[in-house]
Amino acid sequence: MSLKHISKKEKELFSQGKLSVYLFEQKDIPFLVLDFGEGFSIDMSFDTSKFDEKFRKEWMASDANVITLFLVEASTGILEGMRLIAVGFADEFREICARQNGKQGIERQVRLIQTAFTTREMMEHARTCTRFGT
């Protein structure tokens, strides 16, 4: 996650606050939606067609469920926060990604989906969610 003028509160929420991670899917494109609370959230799509074939096969066969999040100040490139999470829906996430194999035009579909759904709507229509924090 790369942002300009990261506030102290955003750093705190990112690094130590409660976090809800949602899995939203449209047209075989998974979106991870990260909600750090207090109106601080982001959605991101995942496109395995960008992987080389060897890496894609290894990643799809993996049983890992860990995601490392980085918060970077866009104007300087300085790492402002880092967080390691383990999602409970890794298998379901990979199943959706497997359906992308051989598809084209994923970037165009992502833009259309992000135009049609707000981040909040993605949370409301998510397939599943994993929560972290106190």
Protein backbone atom coordinates (compact mmCIF):
# COMPACT_ATOMS: atom_id res chain seq x y z
CA MET A 1 0.00 0.00 0.00
CA SER A 2 1.59 3.25 -1.15
CA LEU A 3 0.10 6.52 0.11
CA LYS A 4 1.17 10.15 0.22
CA HIS A 5 1.25 12.09 3.50
CA ILE A 6 0.57 9.12 5.78
CA SER A 7 -0.78 10.32 9.10
CA LYS A 8 0.30 9.03 12.50
CA LYS A 9 -3.20 7.58 12.95
CA GLU A 10 -2.99 5.69 9.62
CA LYS A 11 0.38 4.23 10.64
CA GLU A 12 -1.09 3.12 13.95
CA LEU A 13 -4.21 1.60 12.39
CA PHE A 14 -2.15 -0.17 9.72
CA SER A 15 0.44 -1.62 12.10
CA GLN A 16 -1.50 -2.37 15.27
CA GLY A 17 -5.21 -1.69 14.87
CA LYS A 18 -8.05 -4.04 14.22
CA LEU A 19 -8.07 -5.40 10.70
CA SER A 20 -10.79 -7.14 8.72
CA VAL A 21 -9.74 -8.82 5.47
CA TYR A 22 -12.55 -9.62 3.06
CA LEU A 23 -12.59 -11.82 -0.03
CA PHE A 24 -14.79 -10.34 -2.75
CA GLU A 25 -15.13 -11.96 -6.18
CA GLN A 26 -16.58 -10.89 -9.51
CA LYS A 27 -16.05 -12.56 -12.89
CA ASP A 28 -13.35 -14.91 -11.52
CA ILE A 29 -11.34 -11.97 -10.18
CA PRO A 30 -10.63 -12.01 -6.45
CA PHE A 31 -10.33 -8.76 -4.54
CA LEU A 32 -8.77 -8.51 -1.12
CA VAL A 33 -10.45 -5.74 0.81
CA LEU A 34 -8.53 -4.51 3.85
CA ASP A 35 -10.47 -2.53 6.44
CA PHE A 36 -8.27 -0.99 9.12
CA GLY A 37 -11.23 0.85 10.68
CA GLU A 38 -12.06 4.52 11.09
CA GLY A 39 -12.68 4.89 7.35
CA PHE A 40 -9.21 3.61 6.39
CA SER A 41 -9.67 0.80 3.84
CA ILE A 42 -8.42 -0.34 0.47
CA ASP A 43 -9.37 -2.93 -2.13
CA MET A 44 -6.98 -4.69 -4.49
CA SER A 45 -7.48 -7.14 -7.29
CA PHE A 46 -5.37 -10.18 -7.99
CA ASP A 47 -4.40 -11.20 -11.54
CA THR A 48 -2.41 -14.43 -11.87
CA SER A 49 -2.04 -13.94 -15.63
CA LYS A 50 0.81 -11.57 -14.70
CA PHE A 51 2.78 -14.47 -13.16
CA ASP A 52 5.16 -16.54 -15.22
CA GLU A 53 3.88 -20.10 -15.62
CA LYS A 54 6.43 -21.75 -13.30
CA PHE A 55 5.75 -19.34 -10.45
CA ARG A 56 1.95 -19.54 -10.98
CA LYS A 57 2.00 -23.35 -10.73
CA GLU A 58 4.14 -23.29 -7.58
CA TRP A 59 1.98 -20.59 -5.98
CA MET A 60 -1.25 -22.43 -6.83
CA ALA A 61 0.12 -25.64 -5.26
CA SER A 62 1.22 -23.88 -2.08
CA ASP A 63 -0.68 -24.35 1.15
CA ALA A 64 0.54 -21.04 2.60
CA ASN A 65 -2.01 -18.56 3.92
CA VAL A 66 0.30 -15.73 5.00
CA ILE A 67 0.20 -12.24 3.49
CA THR A 68 2.74 -9.54 4.27
CA LEU A 69 1.38 -5.99 4.10
CA PHE A 70 3.64 -2.99 3.57
CA LEU A 71 2.74 0.68 4.09
CA VAL A 72 5.02 2.94 2.03
CA GLU A 73 5.17 6.74 1.93
CA ALA A 74 4.72 7.34 -1.81
CA SER A 75 6.61 10.63 -1.91
CA THR A 76 9.78 9.17 -0.34
CA GLY A 77 9.60 5.41 -0.80
CA ILE A 78 10.13 4.96 2.95
CA LEU A 79 8.56 1.93 4.62
CA GLU A 80 6.27 3.27 7.36
CA GLY A 81 4.65 0.04 8.53
CA MET A 82 4.56 -3.69 8.03
CA ARG A 83 2.10 -6.37 9.10
CA LEU A 84 2.01 -10.13 8.68
CA ILE A 85 -1.41 -11.81 8.59
CA ALA A 86 -2.71 -15.32 7.95
CA VAL A 87 -6.07 -15.46 6.18
CA GLY A 88 -8.48 -18.30 6.69
CA PHE A 89 -9.66 -18.28 3.09
CA ALA A 90 -6.40 -18.97 1.21
CA ASP A 91 -7.75 -22.11 -0.48
CA GLU A 92 -10.89 -20.33 -1.67
CA PHE A 93 -8.74 -17.42 -2.89
CA ARG A 94 -6.54 -19.77 -4.92
CA GLU A 95 -9.62 -21.54 -6.35
CA ILE A 96 -10.83 -18.23 -7.78
CA CYS A 97 -7.36 -17.49 -9.16
CA ALA A 98 -7.25 -20.93 -10.83
CA ARG A 99 -10.30 -19.96 -12.89
CA GLN A 100 -8.29 -17.08 -14.40
CA ASN A 101 -5.98 -19.47 -16.23
CA GLY A 102 -5.98 -18.62 -19.94
CA LYS A 103 -8.29 -15.64 -19.59
CA GLN A 104 -7.47 -12.31 -21.17
CA GLY A 105 -8.71 -8.80 -20.47
CA ILE A 106 -8.51 -9.12 -16.70
CA GLU A 107 -7.20 -5.56 -16.25
CA ARG A 108 -10.20 -4.18 -18.16
CA GLN A 109 -12.59 -6.26 -16.05
CA VAL A 110 -10.91 -5.00 -12.86
CA ARG A 111 -11.49 -1.38 -13.90
CA LEU A 112 -15.15 -2.10 -14.67
CA ILE A 113 -15.67 -3.88 -11.34
CA GLN A 114 -13.96 -1.11 -9.37
CA THR A 115 -16.22 1.39 -11.11
CA ALA A 116 -19.33 -0.64 -10.29
CA PHE A 117 -18.53 -1.37 -6.61
CA THR A 118 -17.22 0.87 -3.85
CA THR A 119 -14.83 -0.60 -1.31
CA ARG A 120 -17.67 -0.59 1.24
CA GLU A 121 -19.94 -2.50 -1.18
CA MET A 122 -17.20 -5.07 -1.73
CA MET A 123 -17.11 -5.62 2.04
CA GLU A 124 -20.89 -5.96 2.20
CA HIS A 125 -20.95 -8.54 -0.62
CA ALA A 126 -17.79 -10.43 0.36
CA ARG A 127 -17.72 -14.22 0.25
CA THR A 128 -15.83 -14.45 3.55
CA CYS A 129 -13.84 -12.43 6.07
CA THR A 130 -10.95 -12.93 8.50
CA ARG A 131 -10.56 -10.52 11.45
CA PHE A 132 -7.43 -9.58 13.42
CA GLY A 133 -6.71 -7.48 16.47
CA THR A 134 -8.28 -6.73 19.77
